[in-house]
């Protein structure tokens, strides 16, 4: 009889332990643990933000990727604005000539834009302003004809320029005008300023004279 009561008590205690374990497991499954709280507070770590210009420098050996990045950069940034303010002709034989660029692109429809003395040394100087964005690979192209025959073609790289309030000034190498009876006369010319994307910022057509003396 006593043995039967002990077995009954042991069975009852075992049942109580199982019920307590079941409730504990159930509560633990419903209640967030400290580790769960940490997971909720933990946010994904993002890499550092990189400017688009810096991204263009990455993978520059990959031609296709470089072109794609360049196209993306251009779409997301404003186009540069280049304003050619005036041209100058410097010569040791006379005062500096300042040639203002007209708004309609026609310097002097009724006559030559300027006259230069034969056999004289001269230097061209360009003054221009860059706004809005960087202009890459700004170039100067100039073609000259006499009586419909091309007599000269010049292409020069001016460089890459950032926007700034003050105008830029670019000085070309010194040159010498041709001399002699066949060099004198009237010439027609076309001058263009373009960048690496072949965007043209100025194109002017004009005439000039080479004479025996300055005028």
N, C-alpha and C. Protein backbone atom coordinates (compact mmCIF):
# COMPACT_ATOMS: atom_id res chain seq x y z
N UNK A 1 0.83 -1.20 0.00
CA UNK A 1 0.00 0.00 0.00
C UNK A 1 0.87 1.25 0.00
N UNK A 2 1.84 1.26 0.83
CA UNK A 2 2.79 2.39 0.90
C UNK A 2 3.55 2.57 -0.39
N UNK A 3 3.93 1.50 -0.98
CA UNK A 3 4.68 1.53 -2.24
C UNK A 3 3.82 2.11 -3.37
N UNK A 4 2.54 1.78 -3.32
CA UNK A 4 1.64 2.28 -4.34
C UNK A 4 1.48 3.79 -4.21
N UNK A 5 1.44 4.31 -2.97
CA UNK A 5 1.32 5.75 -2.77
C UNK A 5 2.58 6.48 -3.25
N UNK A 6 3.76 5.91 -3.02
CA UNK A 6 5.01 6.54 -3.48
C UNK A 6 5.04 6.64 -5.00
N UNK A 7 4.61 5.58 -5.67
CA UNK A 7 4.59 5.61 -7.15
C UNK A 7 3.63 6.66 -7.65
N UNK A 8 2.46 6.76 -6.95
CA UNK A 8 1.47 7.75 -7.37
C UNK A 8 2.02 9.17 -7.20
N UNK A 9 2.74 9.41 -6.07
CA UNK A 9 3.33 10.74 -5.83
C UNK A 9 4.41 11.07 -6.86
N UNK A 10 5.25 10.07 -7.20
CA UNK A 10 6.29 10.29 -8.21
C UNK A 10 5.67 10.62 -9.57
N UNK A 11 4.60 9.92 -9.91
CA UNK A 11 3.93 10.18 -11.18
C UNK A 11 3.36 11.58 -11.21
N UNK A 12 2.79 12.02 -10.07
CA UNK A 12 2.23 13.36 -10.00
C UNK A 12 3.30 14.43 -10.13
N UNK A 13 4.48 14.22 -9.46
CA UNK A 13 5.58 15.19 -9.55
C UNK A 13 6.14 15.26 -10.96
N UNK A 14 6.23 14.10 -11.61
CA UNK A 14 6.72 14.08 -13.01
C UNK A 14 5.78 14.86 -13.92
N UNK A 15 4.49 14.69 -13.72
CA UNK A 15 3.51 15.41 -14.53
C UNK A 15 3.62 16.92 -14.31
N UNK A 16 3.81 17.33 -13.03
CA UNK A 16 3.97 18.76 -12.75
C UNK A 16 5.19 19.33 -13.45
N UNK A 17 6.32 18.60 -13.40
CA UNK A 17 7.54 19.08 -14.06
C UNK A 17 7.33 19.24 -15.56
N UNK A 18 6.66 18.28 -16.18
CA UNK A 18 6.40 18.34 -17.62
C UNK A 18 5.52 19.53 -17.97
N UNK A 19 4.52 19.80 -17.13
CA UNK A 19 3.65 20.95 -17.39
C UNK A 19 4.42 22.26 -17.28
N UNK A 20 5.29 22.35 -16.24
CA UNK A 20 6.08 23.57 -16.09
C UNK A 20 7.02 23.78 -17.27
N UNK A 21 7.66 22.72 -17.74
CA UNK A 21 8.56 22.81 -18.90
C UNK A 21 7.81 23.23 -20.15
N UNK A 22 6.61 22.69 -20.30
CA UNK A 22 5.79 23.02 -21.47
C UNK A 22 5.43 24.49 -21.47
N UNK A 23 5.02 25.02 -20.27
CA UNK A 23 4.68 26.44 -20.20
C UNK A 23 5.89 27.32 -20.45
N UNK A 24 7.06 26.91 -19.94
CA UNK A 24 8.28 27.69 -20.14
C UNK A 24 8.65 27.75 -21.61
N UNK A 25 8.55 26.60 -22.28
CA UNK A 25 8.87 26.57 -23.71
C UNK A 25 7.90 27.42 -24.51
N UNK A 26 6.62 27.36 -24.12
CA UNK A 26 5.62 28.15 -24.82
C UNK A 26 5.86 29.62 -24.63
N UNK A 27 6.19 30.05 -23.40
CA UNK A 27 6.43 31.46 -23.14
C UNK A 27 7.70 31.95 -23.83
N UNK A 28 8.73 31.07 -23.86
CA UNK A 28 9.98 31.47 -24.51
C UNK A 28 9.79 31.63 -26.00
N UNK A 29 8.90 30.84 -26.59
CA UNK A 29 8.68 30.95 -28.03
C UNK A 29 7.91 32.21 -28.38
N UNK A 30 7.09 32.72 -27.43
CA UNK A 30 6.30 33.91 -27.70
C UNK A 30 7.02 35.18 -27.29
N UNK A 31 7.91 35.10 -26.32
CA UNK A 31 8.60 36.29 -25.82
C UNK A 31 9.93 36.45 -26.53
N UNK A 32 10.25 37.67 -27.02
CA UNK A 32 11.54 37.87 -27.67
C UNK A 32 12.67 37.79 -26.69
N UNK A 33 13.75 37.17 -27.09
CA UNK A 33 14.94 37.07 -26.26
C UNK A 33 15.84 38.27 -26.50
N UNK A 34 16.89 38.38 -25.68
CA UNK A 34 17.84 39.47 -25.88
C UNK A 34 18.48 39.39 -27.24
N UNK A 35 18.73 38.17 -27.72
CA UNK A 35 19.35 38.00 -29.03
C UNK A 35 18.42 38.48 -30.13
N UNK A 36 17.07 38.21 -29.92
CA UNK A 36 16.11 38.70 -30.90
C UNK A 36 16.08 40.21 -30.93
N UNK A 37 16.16 40.84 -29.73
CA UNK A 37 16.18 42.30 -29.69
C UNK A 37 17.38 42.84 -30.43
N UNK A 38 18.52 42.18 -30.26
CA UNK A 38 19.73 42.63 -30.94
C UNK A 38 19.56 42.54 -32.45
N UNK A 39 18.88 41.47 -32.93
CA UNK A 39 18.67 41.31 -34.37
C UNK A 39 17.80 42.41 -34.93
N UNK A 40 16.78 42.85 -34.12
CA UNK A 40 15.90 43.90 -34.60
C UNK A 40 16.62 45.22 -34.68
N UNK A 41 17.51 45.48 -33.68
CA UNK A 41 18.23 46.75 -33.68
C UNK A 41 19.37 46.77 -34.68
N UNK A 42 19.83 45.59 -35.05
CA UNK A 42 20.97 45.52 -35.96
C UNK A 42 20.54 45.90 -37.38
N UNK A 43 21.21 46.90 -37.98
CA UNK A 43 20.90 47.36 -39.34
C UNK A 43 22.04 46.98 -40.27
N UNK A 44 21.73 46.76 -41.53
CA UNK A 44 22.80 46.40 -42.47
C UNK A 44 23.79 47.54 -42.61
N UNK A 45 25.06 47.21 -42.63
CA UNK A 45 26.12 48.22 -42.77
C UNK A 45 26.34 48.51 -44.24
N UNK A 46 26.18 49.79 -44.60
CA UNK A 46 26.35 50.21 -45.99
C UNK A 46 27.77 50.73 -46.20
N UNK A 47 28.27 50.54 -47.38
CA UNK A 47 29.60 51.03 -47.70
C UNK A 47 29.61 52.55 -47.79
N UNK A 48 30.77 53.17 -47.85
CA UNK A 48 30.85 54.63 -47.93
C UNK A 48 30.29 55.14 -49.25
N UNK A 49 29.66 56.32 -49.20
CA UNK A 49 29.14 56.93 -50.42
C UNK A 49 30.30 57.48 -51.24
N UNK A 50 30.26 57.22 -52.52
CA UNK A 50 31.33 57.64 -53.43
C UNK A 50 30.75 58.57 -54.47
N UNK A 51 31.38 59.70 -54.68
CA UNK A 51 30.92 60.64 -55.70
C UNK A 51 31.02 60.02 -57.08
N UNK A 52 30.13 60.48 -57.97
CA UNK A 52 30.13 59.93 -59.33
C UNK A 52 31.45 60.19 -60.04
N UNK A 53 32.05 61.33 -59.75
CA UNK A 53 33.33 61.63 -60.40
C UNK A 53 34.40 60.64 -60.00
N UNK A 54 34.38 60.20 -58.68
CA UNK A 54 35.35 59.22 -58.22
C UNK A 54 35.06 57.86 -58.83
N UNK A 55 33.79 57.57 -59.05
CA UNK A 55 33.44 56.29 -59.65
C UNK A 55 33.97 56.19 -61.08
N UNK A 56 34.05 57.33 -61.77
CA UNK A 56 34.57 57.32 -63.14
C UNK A 56 36.03 56.90 -63.17
N UNK A 57 36.76 57.19 -62.07
CA UNK A 57 38.16 56.83 -62.02
C UNK A 57 38.37 55.34 -61.78
N UNK A 58 37.34 54.70 -61.18
CA UNK A 58 37.46 53.28 -60.91
C UNK A 58 37.22 52.48 -62.19
N UNK A 59 37.89 51.38 -62.31
CA UNK A 59 37.73 50.48 -63.46
C UNK A 59 37.95 51.21 -64.78
N UNK A 60 38.88 52.18 -64.79
CA UNK A 60 39.08 52.95 -66.02
C UNK A 60 39.73 52.13 -67.12
N UNK A 61 40.28 50.97 -66.76
CA UNK A 61 40.85 50.10 -67.78
C UNK A 61 39.77 49.30 -68.50
N UNK A 62 38.57 49.22 -67.92
CA UNK A 62 37.46 48.53 -68.55
C UNK A 62 36.73 49.52 -69.45
N UNK A 63 36.94 49.42 -70.76
CA UNK A 63 36.42 50.41 -71.69
C UNK A 63 34.90 50.49 -71.66
N UNK A 64 34.22 49.34 -71.71
CA UNK A 64 32.75 49.35 -71.73
C UNK A 64 32.18 49.92 -70.45
N UNK A 65 32.76 49.56 -69.29
CA UNK A 65 32.29 50.07 -68.02
C UNK A 65 32.56 51.57 -67.90
N UNK A 66 33.70 52.00 -68.40
CA UNK A 66 34.04 53.43 -68.34
C UNK A 66 33.05 54.26 -69.16
N UNK A 67 32.67 53.75 -70.36
CA UNK A 67 31.70 54.47 -71.17
C UNK A 67 30.34 54.54 -70.50
N UNK A 68 29.94 53.42 -69.86
CA UNK A 68 28.64 53.40 -69.19
C UNK A 68 28.62 54.38 -68.04
N UNK A 69 29.69 54.39 -67.24
CA UNK A 69 29.77 55.33 -66.12
C UNK A 69 29.78 56.76 -66.63
N UNK A 70 30.51 57.01 -67.73
CA UNK A 70 30.56 58.35 -68.27
C UNK A 70 29.20 58.83 -68.74
N UNK A 71 28.43 57.94 -69.39
CA UNK A 71 27.09 58.30 -69.84
C UNK A 71 26.17 58.58 -68.66
N UNK A 72 26.29 57.77 -67.61
CA UNK A 72 25.47 57.97 -66.41
C UNK A 72 25.82 59.28 -65.74
N UNK A 73 27.11 59.57 -65.66
CA UNK A 73 27.56 60.82 -65.03
C UNK A 73 27.01 62.03 -65.78
N UNK A 74 27.05 61.96 -67.14
CA UNK A 74 26.57 63.09 -67.93
C UNK A 74 25.07 63.28 -67.80
N UNK A 75 24.32 62.16 -67.65
CA UNK A 75 22.87 62.28 -67.53
C UNK A 75 22.48 62.91 -66.20
N UNK A 76 23.28 62.70 -65.17
CA UNK A 76 22.91 63.15 -63.84
C UNK A 76 23.51 64.49 -63.46
N UNK A 77 24.28 65.11 -64.34
CA UNK A 77 24.89 66.39 -64.03
C UNK A 77 24.59 67.38 -65.16
N UNK A 78 24.54 68.66 -64.85
CA UNK A 78 24.24 69.66 -65.89
C UNK A 78 25.38 69.79 -66.88
N UNK A 79 25.05 70.19 -68.11
CA UNK A 79 26.06 70.37 -69.14
C UNK A 79 26.88 71.63 -68.87
N UNK A 80 28.15 71.62 -69.24
CA UNK A 80 28.96 72.84 -69.08
C UNK A 80 28.52 73.92 -70.07
N UNK A 81 28.76 75.13 -69.69
CA UNK A 81 28.49 76.28 -70.56
C UNK A 81 29.80 77.03 -70.74
N UNK A 82 30.22 77.17 -71.99
CA UNK A 82 31.46 77.88 -72.31
C UNK A 82 31.10 79.10 -73.15
N UNK A 83 31.48 80.26 -72.69
CA UNK A 83 31.22 81.51 -73.38
C UNK A 83 32.55 82.13 -73.81
N UNK A 84 32.79 82.19 -75.14
CA UNK A 84 33.99 82.84 -75.66
C UNK A 84 33.74 84.34 -75.63
N UNK A 85 34.51 85.05 -74.82
CA UNK A 85 34.26 86.48 -74.63
C UNK A 85 34.87 87.33 -75.74
N UNK A 86 36.14 87.10 -76.04
CA UNK A 86 36.79 87.83 -77.14
C UNK A 86 38.10 87.17 -77.50
N UNK A 87 38.58 87.51 -78.67
CA UNK A 87 39.90 87.08 -79.16
C UNK A 87 40.81 88.30 -79.19
N UNK A 88 42.09 88.04 -78.97
CA UNK A 88 43.08 89.12 -79.03
C UNK A 88 44.19 88.73 -79.98
N UNK A 89 44.72 89.71 -80.68
CA UNK A 89 45.90 89.53 -81.52
C UNK A 89 47.00 90.42 -80.98
N UNK A 90 48.06 89.79 -80.51
CA UNK A 90 49.20 90.53 -79.96
C UNK A 90 50.36 90.46 -80.94
N UNK A 91 50.97 91.61 -81.16
CA UNK A 91 52.13 91.69 -82.05
C UNK A 91 53.09 92.74 -81.50
N UNK A 92 54.39 92.49 -81.56
CA UNK A 92 55.36 93.48 -81.07
C UNK A 92 55.38 94.75 -81.92
N UNK A 93 54.77 94.69 -83.12
CA UNK A 93 54.82 95.84 -84.03
C UNK A 93 53.70 96.84 -83.81
N UNK A 94 52.69 96.50 -82.97
CA UNK A 94 51.55 97.41 -82.82
C UNK A 94 50.83 97.13 -81.50
N UNK A 95 49.81 97.95 -81.24
CA UNK A 95 49.01 97.75 -80.03
C UNK A 95 48.16 96.49 -80.17
N UNK A 96 47.79 95.95 -79.04
CA UNK A 96 46.98 94.73 -79.02
C UNK A 96 45.60 94.99 -79.63
N UNK A 97 45.15 94.07 -80.49
CA UNK A 97 43.83 94.15 -81.08
C UNK A 97 42.88 93.25 -80.31
N UNK A 98 41.74 93.79 -79.87
CA UNK A 98 40.71 93.04 -79.16
C UNK A 98 39.52 92.86 -80.09
N UNK A 99 39.19 91.61 -80.40
CA UNK A 99 38.10 91.30 -81.31
C UNK A 99 36.93 90.73 -80.51
N UNK A 100 35.87 91.52 -80.38
CA UNK A 100 34.69 91.10 -79.62
C UNK A 100 33.85 90.12 -80.44
N UNK A 101 33.33 89.08 -79.77
CA UNK A 101 32.51 88.09 -80.45
C UNK A 101 31.07 88.60 -80.50
N UNK A 102 30.49 88.80 -81.68
CA UNK A 102 29.10 89.25 -81.77
C UNK A 102 28.13 88.12 -81.45
N UNK A 103 26.94 88.49 -81.02
CA UNK A 103 25.93 87.49 -80.64
C UNK A 103 25.45 86.67 -81.83
N UNK A 104 25.41 87.28 -83.02
CA UNK A 104 24.91 86.56 -84.19
C UNK A 104 25.98 85.72 -84.88
N UNK A 105 27.22 85.74 -84.37
CA UNK A 105 28.29 84.93 -84.94
C UNK A 105 28.87 85.46 -86.23
N UNK A 106 28.48 86.67 -86.63
CA UNK A 106 29.03 87.28 -87.85
C UNK A 106 29.82 88.52 -87.43
N UNK A 107 31.15 88.44 -87.38
CA UNK A 107 31.94 89.55 -86.85
C UNK A 107 31.78 90.86 -87.62
N UNK A 108 31.93 90.81 -88.93
CA UNK A 108 31.81 92.03 -89.73
C UNK A 108 31.34 91.64 -91.14
N UNK A 109 30.03 91.59 -91.37
CA UNK A 109 29.54 91.13 -92.67
C UNK A 109 29.90 92.05 -93.83
N UNK A 110 30.28 93.29 -93.55
CA UNK A 110 30.55 94.26 -94.62
C UNK A 110 32.03 94.36 -94.98
N UNK A 111 32.90 93.67 -94.27
CA UNK A 111 34.31 93.78 -94.57
C UNK A 111 35.13 92.85 -93.70
N UNK A 112 36.46 92.96 -93.81
CA UNK A 112 37.33 92.08 -93.01
C UNK A 112 37.20 92.37 -91.52
N UNK A 113 37.31 91.30 -90.73
CA UNK A 113 37.23 91.44 -89.27
C UNK A 113 38.47 92.14 -88.75
N UNK A 114 39.61 91.89 -89.36
CA UNK A 114 40.86 92.53 -88.97
C UNK A 114 41.83 92.47 -90.14
N UNK A 115 42.87 93.27 -90.05
CA UNK A 115 43.95 93.29 -91.05
C UNK A 115 45.27 93.08 -90.32
N UNK A 116 46.11 92.25 -90.89
CA UNK A 116 47.40 91.95 -90.28
C UNK A 116 48.51 92.17 -91.30
N UNK A 117 49.65 92.62 -90.84
CA UNK A 117 50.76 92.95 -91.74
C UNK A 117 51.50 91.68 -92.15
N UNK A 118 51.89 91.61 -93.41
CA UNK A 118 52.63 90.45 -93.90
C UNK A 118 53.99 90.33 -93.20
N UNK A 119 54.42 89.10 -92.97
CA UNK A 119 55.72 88.85 -92.37
C UNK A 119 55.85 89.27 -90.92
N UNK A 120 54.73 89.52 -90.24
CA UNK A 120 54.80 89.98 -88.85
C UNK A 120 54.53 88.82 -87.89
N UNK A 121 55.16 88.91 -86.74
CA UNK A 121 54.92 87.92 -85.70
C UNK A 121 53.68 88.31 -84.90
N UNK A 122 52.90 87.31 -84.54
CA UNK A 122 51.67 87.59 -83.79
C UNK A 122 51.33 86.40 -82.89
N UNK A 123 50.50 86.67 -81.89
CA UNK A 123 50.03 85.65 -80.96
C UNK A 123 48.53 85.81 -80.75
N UNK A 124 47.81 84.70 -80.84
CA UNK A 124 46.37 84.72 -80.57
C UNK A 124 46.13 84.43 -79.09
N UNK A 125 45.18 85.15 -78.49
CA UNK A 125 44.82 84.97 -77.08
C UNK A 125 43.30 84.83 -77.00
N UNK A 126 42.85 83.77 -76.31
CA UNK A 126 41.41 83.53 -76.17
C UNK A 126 41.00 83.80 -74.72
N UNK A 127 39.95 84.57 -74.53
CA UNK A 127 39.37 84.79 -73.21
C UNK A 127 37.97 84.17 -73.20
N UNK A 128 37.71 83.31 -72.21
CA UNK A 128 36.42 82.62 -72.17
C UNK A 128 36.05 82.32 -70.71
N UNK A 129 34.76 82.11 -70.50
CA UNK A 129 34.26 81.80 -69.16
C UNK A 129 33.58 80.43 -69.18
N UNK A 130 33.78 79.65 -68.11
CA UNK A 130 33.17 78.32 -67.97
C UNK A 130 32.24 78.34 -66.76
N UNK A 131 30.99 77.92 -66.96
CA UNK A 131 30.02 77.85 -65.87
C UNK A 131 29.28 76.50 -65.93
N UNK A 132 28.55 76.23 -64.86
CA UNK A 132 27.64 75.07 -64.80
C UNK A 132 28.31 73.75 -64.50
N UNK A 133 29.42 73.44 -65.17
CA UNK A 133 30.09 72.15 -64.96
C UNK A 133 31.47 72.19 -65.60
N UNK A 134 32.23 71.10 -65.41
CA UNK A 134 33.56 70.99 -66.00
C UNK A 134 33.43 70.75 -67.49
N UNK A 135 34.23 71.46 -68.29
CA UNK A 135 34.31 71.19 -69.72
C UNK A 135 35.59 70.41 -69.97
N UNK A 136 35.46 69.28 -70.64
CA UNK A 136 36.59 68.37 -70.84
C UNK A 136 37.09 68.45 -72.28
N UNK A 137 38.39 68.67 -72.42
CA UNK A 137 39.02 68.64 -73.74
C UNK A 137 38.55 69.74 -74.67
N UNK A 138 38.54 70.98 -74.18
CA UNK A 138 38.15 72.10 -75.04
C UNK A 138 39.21 72.31 -76.12
N UNK A 139 38.76 72.38 -77.39
CA UNK A 139 39.69 72.49 -78.52
C UNK A 139 39.35 73.68 -79.40
N UNK A 140 40.39 74.17 -80.07
CA UNK A 140 40.27 75.27 -81.03
C UNK A 140 40.59 74.74 -82.42
N UNK A 141 39.64 74.88 -83.34
CA UNK A 141 39.84 74.48 -84.73
C UNK A 141 39.70 75.71 -85.62
N UNK A 142 40.64 75.89 -86.52
CA UNK A 142 40.60 77.05 -87.41
C UNK A 142 41.02 76.64 -88.82
N UNK A 143 40.20 76.99 -89.80
CA UNK A 143 40.48 76.67 -91.20
C UNK A 143 40.46 77.96 -92.01
N UNK A 144 41.43 78.13 -92.90
CA UNK A 144 41.57 79.36 -93.68
C UNK A 144 41.59 79.02 -95.18
N UNK A 145 40.86 79.82 -95.97
CA UNK A 145 40.83 79.67 -97.42
C UNK A 145 41.22 80.99 -98.10
N UNK A 146 41.81 80.84 -99.28
CA UNK A 146 42.05 82.01 -100.14
C UNK A 146 41.59 81.63 -101.55
N UNK A 147 40.65 82.43 -102.06
CA UNK A 147 40.04 82.15 -103.36
C UNK A 147 39.59 80.68 -103.45
N UNK A 148 38.85 80.27 -102.44
CA UNK A 148 38.24 78.93 -102.35
C UNK A 148 39.24 77.78 -102.22
N UNK A 149 40.51 78.08 -101.97
CA UNK A 149 41.52 77.04 -101.78
C UNK A 149 41.95 77.05 -100.30
N UNK A 150 41.91 75.88 -99.67
CA UNK A 150 42.32 75.80 -98.27
C UNK A 150 43.84 76.00 -98.18
N UNK A 151 44.24 76.98 -97.37
CA UNK A 151 45.66 77.28 -97.25
C UNK A 151 46.20 77.00 -95.85
N UNK A 152 45.32 76.79 -94.88
CA UNK A 152 45.81 76.52 -93.54
C UNK A 152 44.71 75.84 -92.72
N UNK A 153 45.12 74.93 -91.84
CA UNK A 153 44.20 74.27 -90.91
C UNK A 153 44.92 74.07 -89.59
N UNK A 154 44.35 74.60 -88.51
CA UNK A 154 44.98 74.53 -87.20
C UNK A 154 44.03 73.89 -86.20
N UNK A 155 44.56 72.94 -85.43
CA UNK A 155 43.81 72.32 -84.35
C UNK A 155 44.67 72.36 -83.09
N UNK A 156 44.11 72.87 -82.02
CA UNK A 156 44.88 73.00 -80.78
C UNK A 156 44.02 72.63 -79.59
N UNK A 157 44.61 71.88 -78.66
CA UNK A 157 43.93 71.50 -77.42
C UNK A 157 44.16 72.59 -76.38
N UNK A 158 43.06 73.15 -75.88
CA UNK A 158 43.17 74.16 -74.84
C UNK A 158 43.23 73.53 -73.44
N UNK A 159 42.45 72.44 -73.23
CA UNK A 159 42.51 71.74 -71.95
C UNK A 159 41.15 71.52 -71.35
N UNK A 160 41.15 71.10 -70.08
CA UNK A 160 39.94 70.85 -69.30
C UNK A 160 39.83 71.92 -68.23
N UNK A 161 38.63 72.50 -68.08
CA UNK A 161 38.47 73.67 -67.21
C UNK A 161 37.25 73.49 -66.30
N UNK A 162 37.41 73.91 -65.04
CA UNK A 162 36.32 73.87 -64.07
C UNK A 162 35.57 75.20 -64.08
N UNK A 163 34.32 75.19 -63.64
CA UNK A 163 33.57 76.45 -63.56
C UNK A 163 34.21 77.41 -62.56
N UNK A 164 34.22 78.67 -62.92
CA UNK A 164 34.72 79.70 -62.00
C UNK A 164 34.20 81.05 -62.44
N UNK A 165 34.21 81.99 -61.50
CA UNK A 165 33.67 83.32 -61.79
C UNK A 165 34.57 84.10 -62.73
N UNK A 166 35.88 83.97 -62.55
CA UNK A 166 36.82 84.72 -63.37
C UNK A 166 37.03 84.04 -64.73
N UNK A 167 37.16 84.82 -65.80
CA UNK A 167 37.40 84.23 -67.13
C UNK A 167 38.77 83.57 -67.21
N UNK A 168 38.86 82.57 -68.06
CA UNK A 168 40.15 81.95 -68.39
C UNK A 168 40.78 82.70 -69.55
N UNK A 169 42.10 82.56 -69.63
CA UNK A 169 42.84 83.13 -70.77
C UNK A 169 43.82 82.09 -71.28
N UNK A 170 43.76 81.81 -72.57
CA UNK A 170 44.67 80.85 -73.18
C UNK A 170 45.47 81.54 -74.27
N UNK A 171 46.80 81.41 -74.19
CA UNK A 171 47.70 82.06 -75.15
C UNK A 171 48.25 81.00 -76.10
N UNK A 172 48.05 81.21 -77.39
CA UNK A 172 48.54 80.28 -78.40
C UNK A 172 50.03 80.55 -78.68
N UNK A 173 50.74 79.58 -79.26
CA UNK A 173 52.14 79.81 -79.64
C UNK A 173 52.26 80.92 -80.70
N UNK A 174 53.39 81.58 -80.67
CA UNK A 174 53.62 82.67 -81.62
C UNK A 174 53.74 82.14 -83.05
N UNK A 175 53.17 82.89 -83.99
CA UNK A 175 53.23 82.54 -85.41
C UNK A 175 53.69 83.74 -86.22
N UNK A 176 53.96 83.51 -87.51
CA UNK A 176 54.38 84.58 -88.41
C UNK A 176 53.51 84.54 -89.66
N UNK A 177 52.97 85.67 -90.05
CA UNK A 177 52.14 85.71 -91.25
C UNK A 177 53.01 85.55 -92.49
N UNK A 178 52.45 84.92 -93.53
CA UNK A 178 53.22 84.79 -94.78
C UNK A 178 53.47 86.17 -95.40
N UNK A 179 54.45 86.25 -96.26
CA UNK A 179 54.79 87.53 -96.90
C UNK A 179 55.00 87.32 -98.39
N UNK A 180 54.98 88.42 -99.12
CA UNK A 180 55.15 88.37 -100.57
C UNK A 180 53.86 88.73 -101.28
N UNK A 181 54.00 88.96 -102.56
CA UNK A 181 52.87 89.44 -103.34
C UNK A 181 51.72 88.43 -103.38
N UNK A 182 52.04 87.14 -103.34
CA UNK A 182 50.99 86.12 -103.40
C UNK A 182 50.33 85.89 -102.04
N UNK A 183 50.99 86.35 -100.98
CA UNK A 183 50.41 86.19 -99.65
C UNK A 183 49.41 87.30 -99.33
N UNK A 184 49.58 88.43 -99.97
CA UNK A 184 48.67 89.54 -99.68
C UNK A 184 47.30 89.28 -100.30
N UNK A 185 46.31 89.89 -99.68
CA UNK A 185 44.96 89.74 -100.19
C UNK A 185 43.96 89.39 -99.09
N UNK A 186 42.77 88.99 -99.52
CA UNK A 186 41.68 88.67 -98.60
C UNK A 186 41.58 87.16 -98.37
N UNK A 187 41.24 86.81 -97.14
CA UNK A 187 41.10 85.41 -96.74
C UNK A 187 39.75 85.22 -96.05
N UNK A 188 39.21 84.04 -96.15
CA UNK A 188 38.02 83.66 -95.37
C UNK A 188 38.42 82.58 -94.38
N UNK A 189 37.74 82.54 -93.24
CA UNK A 189 38.13 81.60 -92.19
C UNK A 189 36.90 81.14 -91.42
N UNK A 190 37.04 79.98 -90.82
CA UNK A 190 36.02 79.45 -89.91
C UNK A 190 36.72 78.99 -88.63
N UNK A 191 36.23 79.49 -87.50
CA UNK A 191 36.80 79.14 -86.21
C UNK A 191 35.73 78.45 -85.36
N UNK A 192 36.13 77.35 -84.71
CA UNK A 192 35.20 76.59 -83.86
C UNK A 192 35.88 76.26 -82.53
N UNK A 193 35.08 76.24 -81.48
CA UNK A 193 35.52 75.77 -80.17
C UNK A 193 34.61 74.61 -79.77
N UNK A 194 35.18 73.42 -79.61
CA UNK A 194 34.41 72.22 -79.30
C UNK A 194 35.09 71.46 -78.16
N UNK A 195 34.35 70.49 -77.57
CA UNK A 195 34.92 69.69 -76.48
C UNK A 195 35.04 68.23 -76.89
N UNK A 196 35.35 67.37 -75.92
CA UNK A 196 35.55 65.95 -76.19
C UNK A 196 34.31 65.26 -76.73
N UNK A 197 33.13 65.80 -76.41
CA UNK A 197 31.88 65.22 -76.90
C UNK A 197 31.44 65.85 -78.22
N UNK A 198 32.35 66.62 -78.83
CA UNK A 198 32.05 67.33 -80.08
C UNK A 198 30.92 68.34 -79.94
N UNK A 199 30.70 68.81 -78.72
CA UNK A 199 29.75 69.89 -78.52
C UNK A 199 30.41 71.20 -78.90
N UNK A 200 29.76 71.95 -79.77
CA UNK A 200 30.33 73.21 -80.28
C UNK A 200 29.80 74.38 -79.45
N UNK A 201 30.74 75.17 -78.92
CA UNK A 201 30.38 76.33 -78.11
C UNK A 201 30.43 77.63 -78.91
N UNK A 202 31.16 77.62 -80.00
CA UNK A 202 31.21 78.80 -80.87
C UNK A 202 31.67 78.38 -82.25
N UNK A 203 30.99 78.89 -83.26
CA UNK A 203 31.43 78.72 -84.65
C UNK A 203 31.19 80.05 -85.36
N UNK A 204 32.28 80.64 -85.85
CA UNK A 204 32.16 81.92 -86.54
C UNK A 204 32.86 81.84 -87.90
N UNK A 205 32.26 82.50 -88.86
CA UNK A 205 32.84 82.62 -90.19
C UNK A 205 33.14 84.10 -90.44
N UNK A 206 34.32 84.37 -90.92
CA UNK A 206 34.73 85.77 -91.07
C UNK A 206 35.78 85.88 -92.17
N UNK A 207 36.12 87.12 -92.50
CA UNK A 207 37.20 87.39 -93.46
C UNK A 207 38.24 88.28 -92.79
N UNK A 208 39.47 88.19 -93.28
CA UNK A 208 40.54 89.08 -92.83
C UNK A 208 41.50 89.32 -93.99
N UNK A 209 42.31 90.37 -93.85
CA UNK A 209 43.25 90.73 -94.91
C UNK A 209 44.69 90.64 -94.42
N UNK A 210 45.56 90.28 -95.32
CA UNK A 210 47.00 90.40 -95.10
C UNK A 210 47.48 91.51 -96.04
N UNK A 211 48.04 92.56 -95.49
CA UNK A 211 48.47 93.72 -96.27
C UNK A 211 49.96 93.99 -96.05
N UNK A 212 50.43 94.95 -96.84
CA UNK A 212 51.85 95.32 -96.75
C UNK A 212 52.14 96.04 -95.46
N UNK A 213 51.14 96.75 -94.94
CA UNK A 213 51.31 97.50 -93.70
C UNK A 213 50.11 97.30 -92.80
N UNK A 214 50.28 97.62 -91.53
CA UNK A 214 49.17 97.59 -90.58
C UNK A 214 48.17 98.66 -90.93
N UNK A 215 46.95 98.43 -90.62
CA UNK A 215 45.92 99.45 -90.80
C UNK A 215 45.19 99.69 -89.48
